[in-house]
């Protein structure tokens, strides 16, 4: 078990959040649909991810007008392995103390950030203190077995009453209905494996604290889009650049400037999420991309036509903002489009045709249909949607960290991707009026 140097490490697991210990038990973020770093739930409003210095500095340097379209940056925490009395190994976050945690990208000591995280903000929100007895983590009898085990068992007892189901089986994950997005489990296992392999030398890790951009949504439907015609950063090796260029050439990144990186969409007819992953997205043609976007906007009963205008408004606004950002490049960045699967006009469909009231296999009616839907017949209120840029580990702009390569003008590859999205959605809207 790691010794957090100047910090007193108390018992964790069932009792920590109730006994006032400073550590916060991190749980896998069940709505992660893409990416490769594991996103962890810190509290109801906050997630965290392994810190990369470039990304942290980029968040700290964001132009004010871009902040509407990015998660709020909330600081840094130190994270370590801890064992509990039940034999589980958990990831636990503590207030960041300068020089204790190790950089994920091995930056020199002089490059470590000077920002410290306030202890007060480390307290979970009220609804985040009610933990179940089961804990996410790695089943183990000792820290030594962490280092020796080749395929650890990950037990995820996460707070979701809505099951998830993969639509494609090419990820090697189970297609059964489960209580978390399968991609989040994959990333969590890989993250634990990486940290476990370094646990003898690296006791503490730095994680970024970021806004949980789906916390406003009861049943978040999330589309993760890899944006731009180029994905490799200026610092990429020739080998990595060649790999990334090949992926772009063989996908809609080259033809549309955007490709599907992950998706989850709530289905009103079955009461569960349908999920896609990045491997599915890489193989799509232009028409396949259109179909994927259509599927994302379909709730199993009808196409969510009410989403067109609010999503298009957000995309146009983001495009205008990025066109004003001269020298910025967002290589390998993603764009999240989010809406609420519970906020649907499909409730009126059920009310009109009561003989088709939808039930789950066990005979129960999905919660989202029990009140006939959240939008009343004839309601003109627009649904809540969100559009956010994420993942800035390879982003740059003029003067940023003395980067040797300086780009002129806005990121036209990213803008091209936004234009493609806007055009496809406008066509879809016209075809389905």
Protein backbone atom coordinates (compact mmCIF):
# COMPACT_ATOMS: atom_id res chain seq x y z
CA UNK A 1 0.00 0.00 0.00
CA UNK A 2 1.38 3.39 -0.88
CA UNK A 3 2.63 5.70 1.82
CA UNK A 4 1.59 9.23 0.99
CA UNK A 5 4.69 10.76 2.56
CA UNK A 6 3.58 13.77 4.61
CA UNK A 7 -0.08 12.75 4.53
CA UNK A 8 -1.71 10.50 7.04
CA UNK A 9 -3.28 7.65 5.12
CA UNK A 10 -6.28 6.30 6.94
CA UNK A 11 -8.38 3.24 6.23
CA UNK A 12 -10.45 3.52 3.12
CA UNK A 13 -13.35 1.75 1.54
CA UNK A 14 -16.64 1.63 3.44
CA UNK A 15 -15.81 4.08 6.18
CA UNK A 16 -13.66 6.85 4.75
CA UNK A 17 -16.28 9.27 3.50
CA UNK A 18 -18.20 8.85 6.72
CA UNK A 19 -15.24 9.12 9.06
CA UNK A 20 -13.95 12.40 7.64
CA UNK A 21 -10.75 11.10 6.03
CA UNK A 22 -9.36 13.50 3.47
CA UNK A 23 -9.11 10.90 0.73
CA UNK A 24 -11.80 10.60 -1.91
CA UNK A 25 -12.54 7.19 -3.39
CA UNK A 26 -12.49 7.42 -7.18
CA UNK A 27 -15.03 5.42 -9.13
CA UNK A 28 -15.01 4.66 -12.84
CA UNK A 29 -17.03 7.22 -14.77
CA UNK A 30 -19.80 5.06 -16.20
CA UNK A 31 -20.66 7.40 -19.09
CA UNK A 32 -17.23 7.40 -20.73
CA UNK A 33 -17.82 6.47 -24.36
CA UNK A 34 -14.41 7.15 -25.92
CA UNK A 35 -10.79 8.01 -25.30
CA UNK A 36 -8.05 5.81 -23.88
CA UNK A 37 -7.35 7.36 -20.46
CA UNK A 38 -9.74 6.25 -17.76
CA UNK A 39 -12.11 8.97 -16.61
CA UNK A 40 -12.89 8.64 -12.91
CA UNK A 41 -15.85 10.02 -11.02
CA UNK A 42 -14.69 12.33 -8.24
CA UNK A 43 -18.11 13.59 -7.18
CA UNK A 44 -21.44 14.37 -8.80
CA UNK A 45 -20.09 17.43 -10.59
CA UNK A 46 -16.46 16.45 -11.13
CA UNK A 47 -14.44 13.84 -13.00
CA UNK A 48 -10.70 13.36 -13.11
CA UNK A 49 -8.16 11.89 -15.51
CA UNK A 50 -4.39 11.25 -15.49
CA UNK A 51 -2.59 14.57 -15.78
CA UNK A 52 -0.61 15.48 -18.88
CA UNK A 53 1.24 18.75 -18.39
CA UNK A 54 0.45 20.10 -21.86
CA UNK A 55 -3.26 19.53 -21.36
CA UNK A 56 -3.24 21.14 -17.94
CA UNK A 57 -1.43 24.21 -19.21
CA UNK A 58 -3.81 24.41 -22.15
CA UNK A 59 -6.82 24.48 -19.84
CA UNK A 60 -5.13 27.23 -17.84
CA UNK A 61 -4.52 29.25 -21.03
CA UNK A 62 -7.94 28.96 -22.66
CA UNK A 63 -9.36 32.15 -24.22
CA UNK A 64 -12.46 33.24 -22.28
CA UNK A 65 -14.80 32.72 -25.25
CA UNK A 66 -13.76 29.07 -25.54
CA UNK A 67 -14.65 28.24 -21.95
CA UNK A 68 -18.33 27.87 -22.83
CA UNK A 69 -17.34 24.93 -25.02
CA UNK A 70 -14.86 23.18 -22.71
CA UNK A 71 -15.18 21.51 -19.30
CA UNK A 72 -14.35 23.77 -16.37
CA UNK A 73 -10.83 23.10 -15.10
CA UNK A 74 -10.93 22.59 -11.34
CA UNK A 75 -7.33 21.87 -10.37
CA UNK A 76 -5.14 18.89 -9.54
CA UNK A 77 -5.24 16.02 -7.06
CA UNK A 78 -2.74 13.37 -6.05
CA UNK A 79 -3.94 9.80 -6.58
CA UNK A 80 -2.55 6.57 -5.19
CA UNK A 81 -3.39 2.93 -4.63
CA UNK A 82 -4.81 2.05 -1.24
CA UNK A 83 -5.85 -1.25 0.21
CA UNK A 84 -8.77 -1.67 2.56
CA UNK A 85 -9.76 -4.21 5.16
CA UNK A 86 -11.80 -6.18 2.61
CA UNK A 87 -8.79 -6.82 0.40
CA UNK A 88 -9.68 -4.36 -2.36
CA UNK A 89 -7.24 -2.00 -4.00
CA UNK A 90 -8.81 1.36 -4.74
CA UNK A 91 -7.71 4.59 -6.35
CA UNK A 92 -7.92 7.37 -3.79
CA UNK A 93 -7.49 11.11 -4.40
CA UNK A 94 -5.84 13.49 -1.94
CA UNK A 95 -5.13 17.24 -1.99
CA UNK A 96 -2.25 17.91 -4.33
CA UNK A 97 0.98 18.66 -2.51
CA UNK A 98 3.68 20.10 -4.74
CA UNK A 99 6.57 17.79 -5.65
CA UNK A 100 4.88 14.66 -4.30
CA UNK A 101 3.01 13.42 -7.33
CA UNK A 102 4.69 12.24 -10.51
CA UNK A 103 4.02 13.67 -13.96
CA UNK A 104 2.39 11.31 -16.42
CA UNK A 105 4.55 12.62 -19.26
CA UNK A 106 7.77 12.76 -17.22
CA UNK A 107 8.20 16.50 -17.37
CA UNK A 108 11.20 17.93 -15.45
CA UNK A 109 10.69 19.23 -11.95
CA UNK A 110 10.82 22.88 -13.05
CA UNK A 111 7.81 22.26 -15.29
CA UNK A 112 5.51 21.01 -12.58
CA UNK A 113 2.54 23.29 -11.94
CA UNK A 114 2.41 25.71 -9.05
CA UNK A 115 -1.32 25.39 -8.58
CA UNK A 116 -2.47 23.72 -5.39
CA UNK A 117 -5.92 22.35 -4.83
CA UNK A 118 -7.87 23.63 -1.86
CA UNK A 119 -8.78 21.04 0.70
CA UNK A 120 -12.30 22.41 1.00
CA UNK A 121 -13.09 21.60 -2.61
CA UNK A 122 -12.02 18.01 -2.03
CA UNK A 123 -15.21 17.31 -0.10
CA UNK A 124 -17.79 15.44 -2.15
CA UNK A 125 -21.12 17.04 -2.89
CA UNK A 126 -23.89 15.93 -0.60
CA UNK A 127 -25.32 13.35 -2.95
CA UNK A 128 -21.86 11.93 -3.52
CA UNK A 129 -21.41 10.84 0.09
CA UNK A 130 -23.96 8.08 -0.06
CA UNK A 131 -21.82 5.18 -1.18
CA UNK A 132 -22.84 1.61 -1.52
CA UNK A 133 -20.99 -0.96 0.49
CA UNK A 134 -19.47 -2.50 -2.63
CA UNK A 135 -16.44 -0.70 -4.02
CA UNK A 136 -14.97 -0.38 -7.47
CA UNK A 137 -11.43 -1.53 -7.59
CA UNK A 138 -9.08 -4.41 -7.94
CA UNK A 139 -9.69 -7.57 -5.92
CA UNK A 140 -6.47 -8.44 -4.13
CA UNK A 141 -5.07 -9.66 -0.85
CA UNK A 142 -2.02 -7.44 -0.85
CA UNK A 143 -0.18 -4.73 -2.70
CA UNK A 144 2.35 -7.31 -3.82
CA UNK A 145 -0.32 -9.24 -5.68
CA UNK A 146 -1.14 -6.07 -7.61
CA UNK A 147 2.33 -6.08 -9.03
CA UNK A 148 2.33 -9.78 -9.82
CA UNK A 149 -1.20 -10.35 -11.09
CA UNK A 150 -1.42 -10.43 -14.89
CA UNK A 151 -5.17 -10.13 -15.34
CA UNK A 152 -6.75 -8.60 -12.23
CA UNK A 153 -10.46 -8.81 -11.58
CA UNK A 154 -12.18 -5.45 -11.63
CA UNK A 155 -15.39 -5.26 -9.65
CA UNK A 156 -17.54 -2.32 -10.67
CA UNK A 157 -20.53 -1.78 -8.45
CA UNK A 158 -21.62 1.50 -9.92
CA UNK A 159 -24.70 3.62 -9.37
CA UNK A 160 -26.74 3.08 -12.54
CA UNK A 161 -30.19 1.58 -12.82
CA UNK A 162 -30.10 1.79 -16.61
CA UNK A 163 -28.30 -1.06 -18.40
CA UNK A 164 -25.87 -0.60 -21.28
CA UNK A 165 -25.45 -2.82 -24.31
CA UNK A 166 -22.82 -2.76 -27.03
CA UNK A 167 -24.11 -2.85 -30.58
CA UNK A 168 -20.82 -4.13 -31.98
CA UNK A 169 -18.73 -7.02 -30.74
CA UNK A 170 -15.38 -6.02 -32.20
CA UNK A 171 -14.08 -4.58 -28.96
CA UNK A 172 -13.71 -7.94 -27.29
CA UNK A 173 -16.19 -6.90 -24.61
CA UNK A 174 -19.37 -8.62 -23.57
CA UNK A 175 -22.49 -7.69 -25.52
CA UNK A 176 -24.68 -8.46 -22.51
CA UNK A 177 -26.60 -5.66 -20.84
CA UNK A 178 -24.46 -4.26 -18.04
CA UNK A 179 -24.60 -1.33 -15.63
CA UNK A 180 -21.82 0.77 -17.19
CA UNK A 181 -20.64 1.72 -20.65
CA UNK A 182 -18.34 -1.15 -21.72
CA UNK A 183 -15.72 1.31 -22.92
CA UNK A 184 -15.40 2.78 -19.42
CA UNK A 185 -14.59 -0.68 -18.08
CA UNK A 186 -12.01 -1.25 -20.80
CA UNK A 187 -10.27 2.06 -20.05
CA UNK A 188 -10.43 1.46 -16.30
CA UNK A 189 -8.77 -1.95 -16.60
CA UNK A 190 -6.03 -0.55 -18.81
CA UNK A 191 -5.44 2.38 -16.46
CA UNK A 192 -5.11 0.09 -13.44
CA UNK A 193 -2.75 -2.14 -15.38
CA UNK A 194 -0.51 0.82 -16.29
CA UNK A 195 -0.46 2.15 -12.76
CA UNK A 196 0.07 -1.30 -11.29
CA UNK A 197 3.11 -1.92 -13.48
CA UNK A 198 4.67 1.29 -12.15
CA UNK A 199 3.54 0.94 -8.56
CA UNK A 200 6.98 -0.04 -7.21
CA UNK A 201 8.52 3.21 -8.40
CA UNK A 202 5.58 5.58 -8.66
CA UNK A 203 3.61 5.98 -5.48
CA UNK A 204 1.58 9.05 -6.39
CA UNK A 205 0.02 10.21 -9.62
CA UNK A 206 -1.33 13.57 -10.62
CA UNK A 207 -4.89 13.74 -11.96
CA UNK A 208 -6.71 16.68 -13.51
CA UNK A 209 -10.04 17.65 -11.99
CA UNK A 210 -12.59 18.62 -14.63
CA UNK A 211 -16.27 19.44 -14.76
CA UNK A 212 -18.54 16.44 -15.26
CA UNK A 213 -20.32 17.79 -18.33
CA UNK A 214 -23.14 15.23 -18.19
CA UNK A 215 -24.14 15.83 -14.58
CA UNK A 216 -27.10 17.99 -15.64
CA UNK A 217 -28.64 15.12 -17.60
CA UNK A 218 -30.77 12.35 -16.11
CA UNK A 219 -30.14 9.89 -18.97
CA UNK A 220 -27.16 11.35 -20.82
CA UNK A 221 -26.93 10.45 -24.50
CA UNK A 222 -23.34 11.10 -25.55
CA UNK A 223 -21.67 11.24 -28.96
CA UNK A 224 -17.85 11.46 -28.92
CA UNK A 225 -16.46 12.74 -32.23
CA UNK A 226 -12.77 12.86 -33.14
CA UNK A 227 -12.42 16.20 -34.91
CA UNK A 228 -10.14 17.40 -37.66
CA UNK A 229 -8.34 16.00 -40.69
CA UNK A 230 -5.13 15.48 -38.71
CA UNK A 231 -4.75 13.70 -35.37
CA UNK A 232 -1.01 13.65 -34.56
CA UNK A 233 0.61 16.45 -32.60
CA UNK A 234 3.65 18.41 -33.71
CA UNK A 235 5.80 16.39 -31.30
CA UNK A 236 4.72 12.98 -32.66
CA UNK A 237 7.39 10.58 -33.87
CA UNK A 238 7.47 9.72 -37.58
CA UNK A 239 6.07 6.28 -36.75
CA UNK A 240 3.17 7.64 -34.71
CA UNK A 241 2.42 10.35 -37.27
CA UNK A 242 2.28 7.71 -40.01
CA UNK A 243 -0.14 5.58 -37.94
CA UNK A 244 -2.42 8.50 -37.25
CA UNK A 245 -2.39 9.65 -40.88
CA UNK A 246 -3.33 6.14 -41.99
CA UNK A 247 -6.28 6.09 -39.56
CA UNK A 248 -7.45 9.42 -40.95
CA UNK A 249 -7.07 8.31 -44.56
CA UNK A 250 -9.05 5.13 -43.95
CA UNK A 251 -11.90 6.84 -42.09
CA UNK A 252 -14.23 9.79 -42.41
CA UNK A 253 -11.57 12.00 -40.78
CA UNK A 254 -10.12 12.56 -44.27
CA UNK A 255 -13.41 12.98 -46.13
CA UNK A 256 -15.50 14.77 -43.50
CA UNK A 257 -13.00 16.05 -40.93
CA UNK A 258 -14.84 14.08 -38.24
CA UNK A 259 -15.30 10.46 -37.20
CA UNK A 260 -17.26 8.63 -34.53
CA UNK A 261 -15.12 7.80 -31.49
CA UNK A 262 -17.89 6.52 -29.22
CA UNK A 263 -21.61 6.74 -28.55
CA UNK A 264 -24.32 5.89 -26.09
CA UNK A 265 -27.97 6.58 -26.79
CA UNK A 266 -30.90 5.77 -24.52
CA UNK A 267 -33.64 3.66 -26.08
CA UNK A 268 -37.14 4.36 -24.85
CA UNK A 269 -38.52 1.13 -26.28
CA UNK A 270 -36.14 -1.10 -24.30
CA UNK A 271 -35.08 1.06 -21.36
CA UNK A 272 -31.35 0.69 -21.92
CA UNK A 273 -28.44 2.42 -23.64
CA UNK A 274 -27.07 1.26 -26.96
CA UNK A 275 -23.34 1.83 -27.31
CA UNK A 276 -20.80 2.09 -30.10
CA UNK A 277 -17.01 2.37 -29.81
CA UNK A 278 -14.13 3.85 -31.77
CA UNK A 279 -13.49 0.70 -33.81
CA UNK A 280 -16.99 0.96 -35.19
CA UNK A 281 -16.41 4.60 -36.02
CA UNK A 282 -13.16 3.99 -37.87
CA UNK A 283 -14.84 1.67 -40.37
CA UNK A 284 -17.68 3.98 -41.37
CA UNK A 285 -18.14 5.39 -44.86
CA UNK A 286 -19.64 8.83 -45.37
CA UNK A 287 -23.08 7.26 -45.58
CA UNK A 288 -22.28 5.12 -42.57
CA UNK A 289 -21.39 8.25 -40.60
CA UNK A 290 -24.74 9.78 -41.55
CA UNK A 291 -26.50 6.64 -40.38
CA UNK A 292 -24.58 6.68 -37.10
CA UNK A 293 -25.61 10.28 -36.48
CA UNK A 294 -29.21 9.36 -37.28
CA UNK A 295 -29.00 6.48 -34.83
CA UNK A 296 -27.62 8.79 -32.14
CA UNK A 297 -30.63 11.07 -32.58
CA UNK A 298 -33.12 8.18 -32.53
CA UNK A 299 -34.54 6.98 -29.22
CA UNK A 300 -35.88 3.63 -30.40
CA UNK A 301 -39.31 5.08 -31.11
CA UNK A 302 -38.74 8.16 -33.21
CA UNK A 303 -36.10 10.55 -34.50
CA UNK A 304 -35.55 13.38 -32.05
CA UNK A 305 -36.34 16.18 -34.51
CA UNK A 306 -36.52 18.62 -31.62
CA UNK A 307 -32.74 18.28 -31.20
CA UNK A 308 -31.80 19.66 -34.61
CA UNK A 309 -32.11 23.36 -33.89
CA UNK A 310 -30.44 23.51 -30.45
CA UNK A 311 -27.54 21.28 -31.55
CA UNK A 312 -27.07 23.22 -34.80
CA UNK A 313 -27.07 26.50 -32.87
CA UNK A 314 -24.30 25.22 -30.58
CA UNK A 315 -22.22 23.91 -33.50
CA UNK A 316 -22.52 27.18 -35.42
CA UNK A 317 -21.56 29.17 -32.34
CA UNK A 318 -18.52 26.96 -31.72
CA UNK A 319 -17.47 27.27 -35.37
CA UNK A 320 -17.59 31.06 -35.12
CA UNK A 321 -15.46 30.99 -31.96
CA UNK A 322 -12.80 28.69 -33.46
CA UNK A 323 -12.58 30.71 -36.65
CA UNK A 324 -11.38 33.61 -34.47
CA UNK A 325 -8.62 31.57 -32.79
CA UNK A 326 -5.60 32.23 -34.98
CA UNK A 327 -2.66 29.78 -34.57
CA UNK A 328 -4.67 27.29 -32.46
CA UNK A 329 -4.49 23.61 -33.38
CA UNK A 330 -6.59 20.98 -31.60
CA UNK A 331 -4.90 17.81 -32.82
CA UNK A 332 -6.52 14.61 -31.50
CA UNK A 333 -9.18 16.63 -29.69
CA UNK A 334 -12.73 15.32 -29.43
CA UNK A 335 -16.12 16.97 -29.41
CA UNK A 336 -18.93 15.76 -27.18
CA UNK A 337 -22.56 16.27 -28.17
CA UNK A 338 -24.91 15.57 -25.26
CA UNK A 339 -28.65 15.49 -24.77
CA UNK A 340 -31.03 13.94 -22.25
CA UNK A 341 -32.73 10.68 -23.19
CA UNK A 342 -35.42 11.41 -20.62
CA UNK A 343 -36.34 14.73 -22.16
CA UNK A 344 -38.28 13.37 -25.12
CA UNK A 345 -41.44 14.01 -27.10
CA UNK A 346 -41.75 10.23 -27.37
CA UNK A 347 -43.81 10.35 -24.19
CA UNK A 348 -46.66 11.81 -26.23
CA UNK A 349 -46.33 8.88 -28.63
CA UNK A 350 -46.95 6.49 -25.77
CA UNK A 351 -49.92 8.48 -24.54
CA UNK A 352 -51.49 8.49 -28.02
CA UNK A 353 -51.13 4.74 -28.38
CA UNK A 354 -51.62 3.22 -24.93
CA UNK A 355 -51.90 -0.28 -26.35
CA UNK A 356 -48.21 0.01 -27.27
CA UNK A 357 -47.03 1.13 -23.84
CA UNK A 358 -43.48 -0.16 -23.66
CA UNK A 359 -42.26 -2.62 -21.10
CA UNK A 360 -39.00 -4.25 -20.23
CA UNK A 361 -38.51 -7.99 -20.39
CA UNK A 362 -39.46 -8.28 -16.73
CA UNK A 363 -42.75 -6.50 -17.44
CA UNK A 364 -41.84 -3.18 -15.82
CA UNK A 365 -42.29 0.12 -17.61
CA UNK A 366 -39.06 2.13 -18.08
CA UNK A 367 -38.88 4.99 -15.59
CA UNK A 368 -38.67 7.52 -18.39
CA UNK A 369 -42.15 6.46 -19.58
CA UNK A 370 -43.92 6.17 -16.25
CA UNK A 371 -44.95 9.79 -16.30
CA UNK A 372 -45.59 9.87 -20.05
CA UNK A 373 -42.33 11.65 -20.81
CA UNK A 374 -40.91 14.95 -19.63
CA UNK A 375 -42.24 17.08 -22.48
CA UNK A 376 -45.96 17.82 -22.56
CA UNK A 377 -47.92 17.53 -25.83
CA UNK A 378 -47.65 20.77 -27.75
CA UNK A 379 -44.77 22.04 -25.64
CA UNK A 380 -42.50 24.42 -27.56
CA UNK A 381 -39.66 24.33 -25.04
CA UNK A 382 -36.38 23.29 -26.63
CA UNK A 383 -34.57 20.33 -25.10
CA UNK A 384 -31.36 20.87 -23.20
CA UNK A 385 -28.26 20.00 -25.20
CA UNK A 386 -24.55 20.59 -24.73
CA UNK A 387 -21.49 20.67 -27.00
CA UNK A 388 -18.01 20.48 -25.43
CA UNK A 389 -14.47 20.17 -26.68
CA UNK A 390 -12.28 17.74 -24.69
CA UNK A 391 -8.79 16.18 -24.79
CA UNK A 392 -6.08 18.77 -25.34
CA UNK A 393 -2.92 16.72 -24.81
CA UNK A 394 -1.70 17.58 -28.33
CA UNK A 395 -3.10 21.09 -28.71
CA UNK A 396 -0.95 24.14 -29.35
CA UNK A 397 -1.01 27.84 -30.22
CA UNK A 398 1.51 30.57 -30.87
CA UNK A 399 3.71 31.11 -27.82
CA UNK A 400 2.36 28.05 -25.97
CA UNK A 401 5.18 26.46 -23.96
CA UNK A 402 7.73 27.72 -26.52
CA UNK A 403 6.47 25.21 -29.11
CA UNK A 404 8.82 25.42 -32.09
CA UNK A 405 6.07 24.99 -34.71
CA UNK A 406 3.80 28.00 -35.15
CA UNK A 407 0.63 27.65 -37.23
CA UNK A 408 -1.11 30.44 -39.10
CA UNK A 409 -4.83 31.08 -39.05
CA UNK A 410 -7.58 28.99 -37.41
CA UNK A 411 -7.62 25.18 -37.28
CA UNK A 412 -9.32 24.63 -40.64
CA UNK A 413 -9.28 20.83 -40.26
CA UNK A 414 -11.41 21.17 -37.13
CA UNK A 415 -13.60 23.83 -38.76
CA UNK A 416 -14.08 21.53 -41.76
CA UNK A 417 -15.33 18.81 -39.40
CA UNK A 418 -17.83 21.24 -37.86
CA UNK A 419 -19.02 22.29 -41.30
CA UNK A 420 -19.56 18.64 -42.25
CA UNK A 421 -21.54 18.03 -39.07
CA UNK A 422 -23.66 21.11 -39.65
CA UNK A 423 -24.33 20.21 -43.29
CA UNK A 424 -25.30 16.61 -42.48
CA UNK A 425 -27.63 17.68 -39.68
CA UNK A 426 -29.25 20.34 -41.86
CA UNK A 427 -29.84 17.77 -44.60
CA UNK A 428 -31.25 15.33 -42.06
CA UNK A 429 -33.57 18.01 -40.72
CA UNK A 430 -34.85 18.81 -44.21
CA UNK A 431 -35.37 15.13 -45.05
CA UNK A 432 -37.37 14.51 -41.87
CA UNK A 433 -39.60 17.54 -41.65
